[in-house]
PDB file of N, CA and C in Angstrom:
ATOM      1  N   UNK A   1      50.649  50.307  71.946  1.00  0.00           N
ATOM      2  CA  UNK A   1      50.109  49.666  73.129  1.00  0.00           C
ATOM      3  C   UNK A   1      50.159  48.143  73.041  1.00  0.00           C
ATOM      4  N   UNK A   2      50.377  47.627  71.857  1.00  0.00           N
ATOM      5  CA  UNK A   2      50.374  46.179  71.708  1.00  0.00           C
ATOM      6  C   UNK A   2      51.504  45.524  72.487  1.00  0.00           C
ATOM      7  N   UNK A   3      52.578  46.267  72.722  1.00  0.00           N
ATOM      8  CA  UNK A   3      53.708  45.694  73.433  1.00  0.00           C
ATOM      9  C   UNK A   3      53.537  45.685  74.938  1.00  0.00           C
ATOM     10  N   UNK A   4      52.500  46.320  75.445  1.00  0.00           N
ATOM     11  CA  UNK A   4      52.308  46.359  76.893  1.00  0.00           C
ATOM     12  C   UNK A   4      51.222  45.375  77.298  1.00  0.00           C
ATOM     13  N   UNK A   5      51.131  45.135  78.572  1.00  0.00           N
ATOM     14  CA  UNK A   5      50.088  44.241  79.082  1.00  0.00           C
ATOM     15  C   UNK A   5      49.038  45.063  79.814  1.00  0.00           C
ATOM     16  N   UNK A   6      48.711  46.214  79.254  1.00  0.00           N
ATOM     17  CA  UNK A   6      47.745  47.124  79.868  1.00  0.00           C
ATOM     18  C   UNK A   6      46.405  46.413  80.093  1.00  0.00           C
ATOM     19  N   UNK A   7      46.022  46.281  81.333  1.00  0.00           N
ATOM     20  CA  UNK A   7      44.729  45.702  81.657  1.00  0.00           C
ATOM     21  C   UNK A   7      44.701  44.188  81.799  1.00  0.00           C
ATOM     22  N   UNK A   8      45.807  43.528  81.537  1.00  0.00           N
ATOM     23  CA  UNK A   8      45.826  42.072  81.608  1.00  0.00           C
ATOM     24  C   UNK A   8      46.357  41.617  82.958  1.00  0.00           C
ATOM     25  N   UNK A   9      45.691  42.053  84.021  1.00  0.00           N
ATOM     26  CA  UNK A   9      46.112  41.689  85.369  1.00  0.00           C
ATOM     27  C   UNK A   9      44.893  41.223  86.158  1.00  0.00           C
ATOM     28  N   UNK A  10      45.111  40.467  87.218  1.00  0.00           N
ATOM     29  CA  UNK A  10      43.971  40.057  88.047  1.00  0.00           C
ATOM     30  C   UNK A  10      43.204  41.252  88.618  1.00  0.00           C
ATOM     31  N   UNK A  11      43.917  42.318  88.974  1.00  0.00           N
ATOM     32  CA  UNK A  11      43.242  43.498  89.522  1.00  0.00           C
ATOM     33  C   UNK A  11      42.318  44.128  88.486  1.00  0.00           C
ATOM     34  N   UNK A  12      42.793  44.255  87.257  1.00  0.00           N
ATOM     35  CA  UNK A  12      41.984  44.867  86.198  1.00  0.00           C
ATOM     36  C   UNK A  12      40.772  44.010  85.867  1.00  0.00           C
ATOM     37  N   UNK A  13      40.981  42.712  85.714  1.00  0.00           N
ATOM     38  CA  UNK A  13      39.863  41.830  85.374  1.00  0.00           C
ATOM     39  C   UNK A  13      38.818  41.790  86.479  1.00  0.00           C
ATOM     40  N   UNK A  14      39.254  41.677  87.722  1.00  0.00           N
ATOM     41  CA  UNK A  14      38.306  41.599  88.839  1.00  0.00           C
ATOM     42  C   UNK A  14      37.517  42.893  88.958  1.00  0.00           C
ATOM     43  N   UNK A  15      38.210  44.027  88.902  1.00  0.00           N
ATOM     44  CA  UNK A  15      37.511  45.304  88.982  1.00  0.00           C
ATOM     45  C   UNK A  15      36.520  45.492  87.854  1.00  0.00           C
ATOM     46  N   UNK A  16      36.903  45.113  86.637  1.00  0.00           N
ATOM     47  CA  UNK A  16      36.013  45.264  85.484  1.00  0.00           C
ATOM     48  C   UNK A  16      34.802  44.341  85.584  1.00  0.00           C
ATOM     49  N   UNK A  17      34.995  43.127  86.041  1.00  0.00           N
ATOM     50  CA  UNK A  17      33.872  42.181  86.155  1.00  0.00           C
ATOM     51  C   UNK A  17      32.879  42.638  87.212  1.00  0.00           C
ATOM     52  N   UNK A  18      33.382  43.074  88.363  1.00  0.00           N
ATOM     53  CA  UNK A  18      32.483  43.548  89.422  1.00  0.00           C
ATOM     54  C   UNK A  18      31.735  44.791  88.950  1.00  0.00           C
ATOM     55  N   UNK A  19      32.426  45.695  88.270  1.00  0.00           N
ATOM     56  CA  UNK A  19      31.781  46.901  87.759  1.00  0.00           C
ATOM     57  C   UNK A  19      30.718  46.549  86.719  1.00  0.00           C
ATOM     58  N   UNK A  20      31.009  45.590  85.843  1.00  0.00           N
ATOM     59  CA  UNK A  20      30.029  45.158  84.845  1.00  0.00           C
ATOM     60  C   UNK A  20      28.779  44.584  85.518  1.00  0.00           C
ATOM     61  N   UNK A  21      28.974  43.782  86.549  1.00  0.00           N
ATOM     62  CA  UNK A  21      27.829  43.228  87.280  1.00  0.00           C
ATOM     63  C   UNK A  21      27.008  44.362  87.893  1.00  0.00           C
ATOM     64  N   UNK A  22      27.687  45.365  88.437  1.00  0.00           N
ATOM     65  CA  UNK A  22      26.979  46.513  89.000  1.00  0.00           C
ATOM     66  C   UNK A  22      26.158  47.251  87.953  1.00  0.00           C
ATOM     67  N   UNK A  23      26.724  47.432  86.743  1.00  0.00           N
ATOM     68  CA  UNK A  23      25.976  48.071  85.664  1.00  0.00           C
ATOM     69  C   UNK A  23      24.746  47.250  85.294  1.00  0.00           C
ATOM     70  N   UNK A  24      24.900  45.942  85.258  1.00  0.00           N
ATOM     71  CA  UNK A  24      23.760  45.076  84.927  1.00  0.00           C
ATOM     72  C   UNK A  24      22.675  45.175  85.987  1.00  0.00           C
ATOM     73  N   UNK A  25      23.069  45.134  87.247  1.00  0.00           N
ATOM     74  CA  UNK A  25      22.098  45.237  88.354  1.00  0.00           C
ATOM     75  C   UNK A  25      21.391  46.585  88.287  1.00  0.00           C
ATOM     76  N   UNK A  26      22.161  47.659  88.145  1.00  0.00           N
ATOM     77  CA  UNK A  26      21.555  48.991  88.086  1.00  0.00           C
ATOM     78  C   UNK A  26      20.617  49.115  86.887  1.00  0.00           C
ATOM     79  N   UNK A  27      21.010  48.548  85.750  1.00  0.00           N
ATOM     80  CA  UNK A  27      20.165  48.617  84.567  1.00  0.00           C
ATOM     81  C   UNK A  27      18.854  47.882  84.730  1.00  0.00           C
ATOM     82  N   UNK A  28      18.904  46.699  85.300  1.00  0.00           N
ATOM     83  CA  UNK A  28      17.680  45.914  85.503  1.00  0.00           C
ATOM     84  C   UNK A  28      16.727  46.642  86.440  1.00  0.00           C
ATOM     85  N   UNK A  29      17.253  47.162  87.529  1.00  0.00           N
ATOM     86  CA  UNK A  29      16.383  47.831  88.487  1.00  0.00           C
ATOM     87  C   UNK A  29      15.919  49.199  87.991  1.00  0.00           C
ATOM     88  N   UNK A  30      16.677  49.824  87.101  1.00  0.00           N
ATOM     89  CA  UNK A  30      16.216  51.077  86.518  1.00  0.00           C
ATOM     90  C   UNK A  30      15.007  50.810  85.617  1.00  0.00           C
ATOM     91  N   UNK A  31      15.086  49.742  84.824  1.00  0.00           N
ATOM     92  CA  UNK A  31      13.954  49.382  83.959  1.00  0.00           C
ATOM     93  C   UNK A  31      12.757  48.948  84.803  1.00  0.00           C
ATOM     94  N   UNK A  32      13.022  48.303  85.931  1.00  0.00           N
ATOM     95  CA  UNK A  32      11.950  47.840  86.810  1.00  0.00           C
ATOM     96  C   UNK A  32      11.405  48.959  87.696  1.00  0.00           C
ATOM     97  N   UNK A  33      11.950  50.172  87.556  1.00  0.00           N
ATOM     98  CA  UNK A  33      11.515  51.334  88.339  1.00  0.00           C
ATOM     99  C   UNK A  33      11.640  51.082  89.845  1.00  0.00           C
ATOM    100  N   UNK A  34      12.776  50.488  90.228  1.00  0.00           N
ATOM    101  CA  UNK A  34      13.042  50.220  91.639  1.00  0.00           C
ATOM    102  C   UNK A  34      14.283  51.024  92.046  1.00  0.00           C
ATOM    103  N   UNK A  35      14.082  52.194  92.655  1.00  0.00           N
ATOM    104  CA  UNK A  35      15.222  53.057  92.975  1.00  0.00           C
ATOM    105  C   UNK A  35      16.214  52.425  93.955  1.00  0.00           C
ATOM    106  N   UNK A  36      15.731  51.668  94.909  1.00  0.00           N
ATOM    107  CA  UNK A  36      16.637  51.055  95.885  1.00  0.00           C
ATOM    108  C   UNK A  36      17.578  50.059  95.207  1.00  0.00           C
ATOM    109  N   UNK A  37      17.052  49.245  94.320  1.00  0.00           N
ATOM    110  CA  UNK A  37      17.886  48.295  93.584  1.00  0.00           C
ATOM    111  C   UNK A  37      18.861  48.999  92.657  1.00  0.00           C
ATOM    112  N   UNK A  38      18.412  50.097  92.037  1.00  0.00           N
ATOM    113  CA  UNK A  38      19.296  50.874  91.178  1.00  0.00           C
ATOM    114  C   UNK A  38      20.487  51.395  91.966  1.00  0.00           C
ATOM    115  N   UNK A  39      20.231  51.983  93.124  1.00  0.00           N
ATOM    116  CA  UNK A  39      21.330  52.532  93.921  1.00  0.00           C
ATOM    117  C   UNK A  39      22.220  51.433  94.476  1.00  0.00           C
ATOM    118  N   UNK A  40      21.656  50.261  94.721  1.00  0.00           N
ATOM    119  CA  UNK A  40      22.496  49.122  95.136  1.00  0.00           C
ATOM    120  C   UNK A  40      23.460  48.756  94.006  1.00  0.00           C
ATOM    121  N   UNK A  41      22.974  48.802  92.761  1.00  0.00           N
ATOM    122  CA  UNK A  41      23.842  48.547  91.616  1.00  0.00           C
ATOM    123  C   UNK A  41      24.946  49.585  91.493  1.00  0.00           C
ATOM    124  N   UNK A  42      24.615  50.841  91.765  1.00  0.00           N
ATOM    125  CA  UNK A  42      25.619  51.908  91.719  1.00  0.00           C
ATOM    126  C   UNK A  42      26.685  51.667  92.793  1.00  0.00           C
ATOM    127  N   UNK A  43      26.262  51.204  93.955  1.00  0.00           N
ATOM    128  CA  UNK A  43      27.220  50.891  95.026  1.00  0.00           C
ATOM    129  C   UNK A  43      28.153  49.768  94.576  1.00  0.00           C
ATOM    130  N   UNK A  44      27.615  48.768  93.886  1.00  0.00           N
ATOM    131  CA  UNK A  44      28.443  47.664  93.379  1.00  0.00           C
ATOM    132  C   UNK A  44      29.435  48.187  92.339  1.00  0.00           C
ATOM    133  N   UNK A  45      29.018  49.147  91.516  1.00  0.00           N
ATOM    134  CA  UNK A  45      29.927  49.740  90.525  1.00  0.00           C
ATOM    135  C   UNK A  45      31.131  50.368  91.229  1.00  0.00           C
ATOM    136  N   UNK A  46      30.875  51.179  92.238  1.00  0.00           N
ATOM    137  CA  UNK A  46      31.973  51.811  92.966  1.00  0.00           C
ATOM    138  C   UNK A  46      32.806  50.786  93.733  1.00  0.00           C
ATOM    139  N   UNK A  47      32.158  49.739  94.231  1.00  0.00           N
ATOM    140  CA  UNK A  47      32.900  48.682  94.920  1.00  0.00           C
ATOM    141  C   UNK A  47      33.874  47.996  93.968  1.00  0.00           C
ATOM    142  N   UNK A  48      33.476  47.824  92.714  1.00  0.00           N
ATOM    143  CA  UNK A  48      34.371  47.229  91.715  1.00  0.00           C
ATOM    144  C   UNK A  48      35.633  48.054  91.526  1.00  0.00           C
ATOM    145  N   UNK A  49      35.472  49.358  91.475  1.00  0.00           N
ATOM    146  CA  UNK A  49      36.632  50.235  91.366  1.00  0.00           C
ATOM    147  C   UNK A  49      37.532  50.148  92.589  1.00  0.00           C
ATOM    148  N   UNK A  50      36.927  50.112  93.758  1.00  0.00           N
ATOM    149  CA  UNK A  50      37.713  50.024  94.990  1.00  0.00           C
ATOM    150  C   UNK A  50      38.435  48.684  95.103  1.00  0.00           C
ATOM    151  N   UNK A  51      37.767  47.608  94.696  1.00  0.00           N
ATOM    152  CA  UNK A  51      38.405  46.286  94.724  1.00  0.00           C
ATOM    153  C   UNK A  51      39.596  46.256  93.776  1.00  0.00           C
ATOM    154  N   UNK A  52      39.425  46.816  92.582  1.00  0.00           N
ATOM    155  CA  UNK A  52      40.530  46.878  91.627  1.00  0.00           C
ATOM    156  C   UNK A  52      41.715  47.664  92.176  1.00  0.00           C
ATOM    157  N   UNK A  53      41.437  48.804  92.803  1.00  0.00           N
ATOM    158  CA  UNK A  53      42.510  49.607  93.394  1.00  0.00           C
ATOM    159  C   UNK A  53      43.189  48.873  94.545  1.00  0.00           C
ATOM    160  N   UNK A  54      42.396  48.208  95.372  1.00  0.00           N
ATOM    161  CA  UNK A  54      42.971  47.469  96.505  1.00  0.00           C
ATOM    162  C   UNK A  54      43.849  46.319  96.017  1.00  0.00           C
ATOM    163  N   UNK A  55      43.393  45.629  94.970  1.00  0.00           N
ATOM    164  CA  UNK A  55      44.199  44.527  94.437  1.00  0.00           C
ATOM    165  C   UNK A  55      45.482  45.042  93.794  1.00  0.00           C
ATOM    166  N   UNK A  56      45.398  46.207  93.128  1.00  0.00           N
ATOM    167  CA  UNK A  56      46.609  46.790  92.550  1.00  0.00           C
ATOM    168  C   UNK A  56      47.583  47.178  93.661  1.00  0.00           C
ATOM    169  N   UNK A  57      47.065  47.728  94.754  1.00  0.00           N
ATOM    170  CA  UNK A  57      47.920  48.097  95.879  1.00  0.00           C
ATOM    171  C   UNK A  57      48.546  46.862  96.522  1.00  0.00           C
ATOM    172  N   UNK A  58      47.857  45.723  96.428  1.00  0.00           N
ATOM    173  CA  UNK A  58      48.372  44.478  96.992  1.00  0.00           C
ATOM    174  C   UNK A  58      49.371  43.792  96.069  1.00  0.00           C
ATOM    175  N   UNK A  59      49.647  44.394  94.912  1.00  0.00           N
ATOM    176  CA  UNK A  59      50.647  43.843  94.009  1.00  0.00           C
ATOM    177  C   UNK A  59      50.095  42.984  92.894  1.00  0.00           C
ATOM    178  N   UNK A  60      48.787  42.988  92.697  1.00  0.00           N
ATOM    179  CA  UNK A  60      48.195  42.160  91.641  1.00  0.00           C
ATOM    180  C   UNK A  60      47.907  42.946  90.370  1.00  0.00           C
ATOM    181  N   UNK A  61      48.395  44.175  90.298  1.00  0.00           N
ATOM    182  CA  UNK A  61      48.225  45.003  89.110  1.00  0.00           C
ATOM    183  C   UNK A  61      49.497  45.011  88.286  1.00  0.00           C
ATOM    184  N   UNK A  62      49.501  45.831  87.249  1.00  0.00           N
ATOM    185  CA  UNK A  62      50.666  45.940  86.375  1.00  0.00           C
ATOM    186  C   UNK A  62      51.796  46.654  87.106  1.00  0.00           C
ATOM    187  N   UNK A  63      52.994  46.170  86.913  1.00  0.00           N
ATOM    188  CA  UNK A  63      54.172  46.797  87.508  1.00  0.00           C
ATOM    189  C   UNK A  63      54.573  48.001  86.669  1.00  0.00           C
ATOM    190  N   UNK A  64      55.096  49.018  87.315  1.00  0.00           N
ATOM    191  CA  UNK A  64      55.582  50.205  86.606  1.00  0.00           C
ATOM    192  C   UNK A  64      56.847  49.845  85.844  1.00  0.00           C
ATOM    193  N   UNK A  65      56.973  50.400  84.635  1.00  0.00           N
ATOM    194  CA  UNK A  65      58.169  50.171  83.832  1.00  0.00           C
ATOM    195  C   UNK A  65      59.308  51.046  84.337  1.00  0.00           C
ATOM    196  N   UNK A  66      60.509  50.514  84.264  1.00  0.00           N
ATOM    197  CA  UNK A  66      61.677  51.301  84.626  1.00  0.00           C
ATOM    198  C   UNK A  66      61.972  52.292  83.500  1.00  0.00           C
ATOM    199  N   UNK A  67      62.773  53.298  83.814  1.00  0.00           N
ATOM    200  CA  UNK A  67      63.135  54.300  82.807  1.00  0.00           C
ATOM    201  C   UNK A  67      63.906  53.652  81.663  1.00  0.00           C
ATOM    202  N   UNK A  68      64.742  52.666  81.969  1.00  0.00           N
ATOM    203  CA  UNK A  68      65.508  51.980  80.934  1.00  0.00           C
ATOM    204  C   UNK A  68      64.592  51.230  79.980  1.00  0.00           C
ATOM    205  N   UNK A  69      63.582  50.583  80.519  1.00  0.00           N
ATOM    206  CA  UNK A  69      62.649  49.827  79.684  1.00  0.00           C
ATOM    207  C   UNK A  69      61.831  50.765  78.797  1.00  0.00           C
ATOM    208  N   UNK A  70      61.423  51.906  79.332  1.00  0.00           N
ATOM    209  CA  UNK A  70      60.671  52.884  78.542  1.00  0.00           C
ATOM    210  C   UNK A  70      61.509  53.391  77.386  1.00  0.00           C
ATOM    211  N   UNK A  71      62.783  53.707  77.657  1.00  0.00           N
ATOM    212  CA  UNK A  71      63.657  54.193  76.588  1.00  0.00           C
ATOM    213  C   UNK A  71      63.915  53.110  75.545  1.00  0.00           C
ATOM    214  N   UNK A  72      64.095  51.878  75.977  1.00  0.00           N
ATOM    215  CA  UNK A  72      64.314  50.779  75.037  1.00  0.00           C
ATOM    216  C   UNK A  72      63.099  50.583  74.142  1.00  0.00           C
ATOM    217  N   UNK A  73      61.910  50.725  74.703  1.00  0.00           N
ATOM    218  CA  UNK A  73      60.680  50.585  73.916  1.00  0.00           C
ATOM    219  C   UNK A  73      60.592  51.706  72.875  1.00  0.00           C
ATOM    220  N   UNK A  74      60.949  52.920  73.279  1.00  0.00           N
ATOM    221  CA  UNK A  74      60.919  54.040  72.336  1.00  0.00           C
ATOM    222  C   UNK A  74      61.941  53.860  71.215  1.00  0.00           C
ATOM    223  N   UNK A  75      63.134  53.383  71.560  1.00  0.00           N
ATOM    224  CA  UNK A  75      64.164  53.122  70.529  1.00  0.00           C
ATOM    225  C   UNK A  75      63.690  52.065  69.548  1.00  0.00           C
ATOM    226  N   UNK A  76      63.069  51.023  70.060  1.00  0.00           N
ATOM    227  CA  UNK A  76      62.574  49.952  69.190  1.00  0.00           C
ATOM    228  C   UNK A  76      61.487  50.483  68.255  1.00  0.00           C
ATOM    229  N   UNK A  77      60.627  51.344  68.767  1.00  0.00           N
ATOM    230  CA  UNK A  77      59.584  51.940  67.930  1.00  0.00           C
ATOM    231  C   UNK A  77      60.152  52.807  66.835  1.00  0.00           C
ATOM    232  N   UNK A  78      61.171  53.596  67.189  1.00  0.00           N
ATOM    233  CA  UNK A  78      61.806  54.446  66.174  1.00  0.00           C
ATOM    234  C   UNK A  78      62.528  53.593  65.140  1.00  0.00           C
ATOM    235  N   UNK A  79      63.121  52.498  65.555  1.00  0.00           N
ATOM    236  CA  UNK A  79      63.831  51.622  64.618  1.00  0.00           C
ATOM    237  C   UNK A  79      62.859  50.987  63.630  1.00  0.00           C
ATOM    238  N   UNK A  80      61.672  50.642  64.073  1.00  0.00           N
ATOM    239  CA  UNK A  80      60.679  50.055  63.167  1.00  0.00           C
ATOM    240  C   UNK A  80      60.180  51.064  62.154  1.00  0.00           C
ATOM    241  N   UNK A  81      60.055  52.304  62.582  1.00  0.00           N
ATOM    242  CA  UNK A  81      59.544  53.353  61.683  1.00  0.00           C
ATOM    243  C   UNK A  81      60.582  53.692  60.617  1.00  0.00           C
ATOM    244  N   UNK A  82      61.858  53.667  60.983  1.00  0.00           N
ATOM    245  CA  UNK A  82      62.893  54.094  60.041  1.00  0.00           C
ATOM    246  C   UNK A  82      63.184  53.036  58.957  1.00  0.00           C
ATOM    247  N   UNK A  83      62.711  51.818  59.127  1.00  0.00           N
ATOM    248  CA  UNK A  83      62.973  50.783  58.113  1.00  0.00           C
ATOM    249  C   UNK A  83      61.927  50.735  57.079  1.00  0.00           C
TER     250      UNK A  83
END
């Protein structure tokens, strides 16, 4: 996985940050025994996922690898193992 840029995109970072904020909000309100605030945090968690998906659909996510690139990566991996 070190050769890929898995997760290093604006869509991934934005979705993860919004989801993290939602977890923090939900956690604070859960400790404060405030159900409305907790559910608001859960809504923010799901919004983070939707924002990440929307940004990926808009072209800000990782591009799919071509079949040639996948095969070249596999050949390179096998070459490293055989040495």
